[in-house]
N, C-alpha and C. Protein backbone atom coordinates (compact mmCIF):
# COMPACT_ATOMS: atom_id res chain seq x y z
N UNK A 1 -27.82 111.88 39.53
CA UNK A 1 -28.46 110.70 38.96
C UNK A 1 -27.82 109.45 39.57
N UNK A 2 -28.61 108.54 40.15
CA UNK A 2 -28.05 107.32 40.73
C UNK A 2 -27.62 106.34 39.63
N UNK A 3 -26.61 105.58 39.92
CA UNK A 3 -26.12 104.59 38.97
C UNK A 3 -26.49 103.19 39.45
N UNK A 4 -26.83 102.35 38.51
CA UNK A 4 -27.23 100.99 38.84
C UNK A 4 -26.04 100.19 39.37
N UNK A 5 -24.92 100.28 38.69
CA UNK A 5 -23.73 99.53 39.10
C UNK A 5 -22.49 100.34 38.72
N UNK A 6 -22.06 101.25 39.58
CA UNK A 6 -20.92 102.10 39.23
C UNK A 6 -19.61 101.33 39.06
N UNK A 7 -19.53 100.09 39.55
CA UNK A 7 -18.31 99.30 39.41
C UNK A 7 -18.25 98.54 38.08
N UNK A 8 -19.30 98.62 37.28
CA UNK A 8 -19.33 97.91 36.01
C UNK A 8 -18.27 98.48 35.06
N UNK A 9 -17.66 97.59 34.32
CA UNK A 9 -16.64 97.97 33.34
C UNK A 9 -17.13 97.52 31.97
N UNK A 10 -17.06 98.42 31.01
CA UNK A 10 -17.51 98.12 29.65
C UNK A 10 -16.33 98.12 28.70
N UNK A 11 -16.34 97.20 27.76
CA UNK A 11 -15.31 97.12 26.73
C UNK A 11 -16.04 96.99 25.40
N UNK A 12 -15.60 97.74 24.40
CA UNK A 12 -16.27 97.70 23.10
C UNK A 12 -15.31 97.28 21.99
N UNK A 13 -15.87 96.71 20.94
CA UNK A 13 -15.08 96.34 19.76
C UNK A 13 -16.02 96.34 18.56
N UNK A 14 -15.52 96.83 17.46
CA UNK A 14 -16.25 96.75 16.20
C UNK A 14 -15.33 96.03 15.24
N UNK A 15 -15.59 94.73 15.08
CA UNK A 15 -14.70 93.89 14.28
C UNK A 15 -15.43 92.59 13.95
N UNK A 16 -14.74 91.73 13.24
CA UNK A 16 -15.27 90.42 12.90
C UNK A 16 -15.14 89.52 14.13
N UNK A 17 -16.26 89.07 14.66
CA UNK A 17 -16.29 88.27 15.88
C UNK A 17 -15.57 86.93 15.71
N UNK A 18 -15.30 86.53 14.47
CA UNK A 18 -14.63 85.27 14.21
C UNK A 18 -13.11 85.41 14.15
N UNK A 19 -12.59 86.61 14.38
CA UNK A 19 -11.14 86.80 14.43
C UNK A 19 -10.57 86.01 15.61
N UNK A 20 -9.37 85.46 15.47
CA UNK A 20 -8.78 84.66 16.55
C UNK A 20 -8.66 85.40 17.88
N UNK A 21 -8.52 86.71 17.87
CA UNK A 21 -8.38 87.46 19.14
C UNK A 21 -9.65 87.41 19.98
N UNK A 22 -10.79 87.06 19.40
CA UNK A 22 -12.04 86.95 20.13
C UNK A 22 -12.36 85.50 20.49
N UNK A 23 -11.35 84.73 20.81
CA UNK A 23 -11.54 83.33 21.18
C UNK A 23 -12.10 83.18 22.59
N UNK A 24 -12.24 81.95 23.04
CA UNK A 24 -12.82 81.67 24.35
C UNK A 24 -12.03 82.31 25.49
N UNK A 25 -10.72 82.36 25.38
CA UNK A 25 -9.92 82.97 26.45
C UNK A 25 -10.27 84.44 26.63
N UNK A 26 -10.55 85.12 25.54
CA UNK A 26 -10.94 86.53 25.60
C UNK A 26 -12.35 86.68 26.18
N UNK A 27 -13.27 85.89 25.68
CA UNK A 27 -14.67 86.00 26.06
C UNK A 27 -14.89 85.64 27.53
N UNK A 28 -14.11 84.73 28.06
CA UNK A 28 -14.28 84.31 29.45
C UNK A 28 -13.96 85.42 30.44
N UNK A 29 -13.40 86.53 29.98
CA UNK A 29 -13.13 87.68 30.84
C UNK A 29 -14.39 88.48 31.17
N UNK A 30 -15.52 88.14 30.54
CA UNK A 30 -16.74 88.92 30.67
C UNK A 30 -17.85 88.09 31.30
N UNK A 31 -18.69 88.75 32.09
CA UNK A 31 -19.87 88.09 32.66
C UNK A 31 -21.02 88.07 31.67
N UNK A 32 -21.16 89.13 30.90
CA UNK A 32 -22.24 89.26 29.91
C UNK A 32 -21.64 89.83 28.63
N UNK A 33 -22.10 89.34 27.49
CA UNK A 33 -21.66 89.83 26.20
C UNK A 33 -22.85 90.44 25.48
N UNK A 34 -22.75 91.71 25.11
CA UNK A 34 -23.76 92.36 24.28
C UNK A 34 -23.25 92.28 22.85
N UNK A 35 -24.04 91.76 21.95
CA UNK A 35 -23.56 91.70 20.58
C UNK A 35 -24.59 92.24 19.61
N UNK A 36 -24.10 92.78 18.53
CA UNK A 36 -24.93 93.31 17.47
C UNK A 36 -24.50 92.66 16.16
N UNK A 37 -24.81 91.40 16.03
CA UNK A 37 -24.34 90.62 14.88
C UNK A 37 -25.30 90.79 13.70
N UNK A 38 -24.72 90.76 12.50
CA UNK A 38 -25.53 91.02 11.32
C UNK A 38 -25.72 89.80 10.42
N UNK A 39 -25.29 88.62 10.87
CA UNK A 39 -25.51 87.44 10.03
C UNK A 39 -25.56 86.17 10.88
N UNK A 40 -26.17 85.15 10.34
CA UNK A 40 -26.38 83.90 11.07
C UNK A 40 -25.08 83.15 11.33
N UNK A 41 -24.11 83.24 10.43
CA UNK A 41 -22.83 82.56 10.63
C UNK A 41 -22.16 83.09 11.90
N UNK A 42 -22.17 84.39 12.08
CA UNK A 42 -21.58 84.99 13.29
C UNK A 42 -22.37 84.59 14.53
N UNK A 43 -23.68 84.54 14.44
CA UNK A 43 -24.50 84.14 15.60
C UNK A 43 -24.23 82.69 15.99
N UNK A 44 -24.12 81.81 15.00
CA UNK A 44 -23.80 80.41 15.31
C UNK A 44 -22.43 80.32 15.99
N UNK A 45 -21.50 81.12 15.53
CA UNK A 45 -20.14 81.13 16.10
C UNK A 45 -20.17 81.53 17.58
N UNK A 46 -20.84 82.62 17.92
CA UNK A 46 -20.85 83.08 19.31
C UNK A 46 -21.71 82.19 20.20
N UNK A 47 -22.68 81.49 19.64
CA UNK A 47 -23.50 80.59 20.45
C UNK A 47 -22.67 79.45 21.03
N UNK A 48 -21.53 79.14 20.42
CA UNK A 48 -20.64 78.10 20.94
C UNK A 48 -19.88 78.54 22.17
N UNK A 49 -19.84 79.81 22.46
CA UNK A 49 -19.07 80.32 23.58
C UNK A 49 -19.64 79.91 24.92
N UNK A 50 -20.95 79.74 25.02
CA UNK A 50 -21.57 79.36 26.28
C UNK A 50 -21.64 80.49 27.28
N UNK A 51 -21.53 81.70 26.83
CA UNK A 51 -21.57 82.89 27.68
C UNK A 51 -22.98 83.49 27.62
N UNK A 52 -23.39 84.21 28.66
CA UNK A 52 -24.66 84.91 28.59
C UNK A 52 -24.51 86.01 27.54
N UNK A 53 -25.45 86.06 26.59
CA UNK A 53 -25.37 87.03 25.50
C UNK A 53 -26.69 87.77 25.37
N UNK A 54 -26.60 89.04 25.09
CA UNK A 54 -27.77 89.84 24.76
C UNK A 54 -27.59 90.28 23.31
N UNK A 55 -28.45 89.76 22.45
CA UNK A 55 -28.33 90.04 21.03
C UNK A 55 -29.22 91.22 20.67
N UNK A 56 -28.62 92.22 20.00
CA UNK A 56 -29.34 93.46 19.74
C UNK A 56 -29.47 93.80 18.26
N UNK A 57 -29.11 92.91 17.36
CA UNK A 57 -29.11 93.26 15.94
C UNK A 57 -30.32 92.76 15.18
N UNK A 58 -31.36 92.33 15.87
CA UNK A 58 -32.57 91.89 15.18
C UNK A 58 -33.19 93.06 14.43
N UNK A 59 -33.90 92.77 13.37
CA UNK A 59 -34.47 93.83 12.55
C UNK A 59 -35.43 94.73 13.32
N UNK A 60 -36.07 94.20 14.36
CA UNK A 60 -36.98 95.02 15.15
C UNK A 60 -36.33 95.52 16.44
N UNK A 61 -35.03 95.27 16.60
CA UNK A 61 -34.23 95.72 17.75
C UNK A 61 -34.75 95.20 19.08
N UNK A 62 -35.48 94.10 19.05
CA UNK A 62 -35.92 93.47 20.30
C UNK A 62 -34.73 92.75 20.94
N UNK A 63 -34.63 92.77 22.24
CA UNK A 63 -33.54 92.11 22.93
C UNK A 63 -33.87 90.64 23.16
N UNK A 64 -32.91 89.80 22.95
CA UNK A 64 -33.07 88.37 23.21
C UNK A 64 -31.89 87.93 24.07
N UNK A 65 -32.18 87.30 25.18
CA UNK A 65 -31.12 86.83 26.06
C UNK A 65 -31.01 85.32 25.90
N UNK A 66 -29.78 84.86 25.69
CA UNK A 66 -29.56 83.42 25.56
C UNK A 66 -28.48 82.98 26.51
N UNK A 67 -28.58 81.75 26.96
CA UNK A 67 -27.59 81.20 27.88
C UNK A 67 -27.44 79.73 27.57
N UNK A 68 -26.20 79.29 27.39
CA UNK A 68 -25.94 77.90 27.07
C UNK A 68 -25.78 77.13 28.37
N UNK A 69 -26.83 76.48 28.83
CA UNK A 69 -26.80 75.80 30.12
C UNK A 69 -25.97 74.53 30.08
N UNK A 70 -25.62 74.02 28.91
CA UNK A 70 -24.84 72.79 28.83
C UNK A 70 -23.41 72.99 29.31
N UNK A 71 -22.95 74.24 29.39
CA UNK A 71 -21.58 74.50 29.83
C UNK A 71 -21.48 74.63 31.33
N UNK A 72 -22.61 74.73 32.01
CA UNK A 72 -22.61 74.87 33.45
C UNK A 72 -22.31 76.28 33.92
N UNK A 73 -22.33 77.24 33.03
CA UNK A 73 -22.05 78.63 33.40
C UNK A 73 -23.32 79.37 33.68
């Protein structure tokens, strides 16, 4: 089976995204963030990161890609 990107590295966490360990210094280590957030407070929090995010926790499981262009990233 061919792989799309065999050099890709994945890191997972199941925790409160608002914990200090998930600050901007941590998030900047990633090119894309996949998140499965279950509340609007958490979504507002991660939207401040300015990172490309794929949100997967919608009730219909539709994917939504967001990018904060104001950060220049």
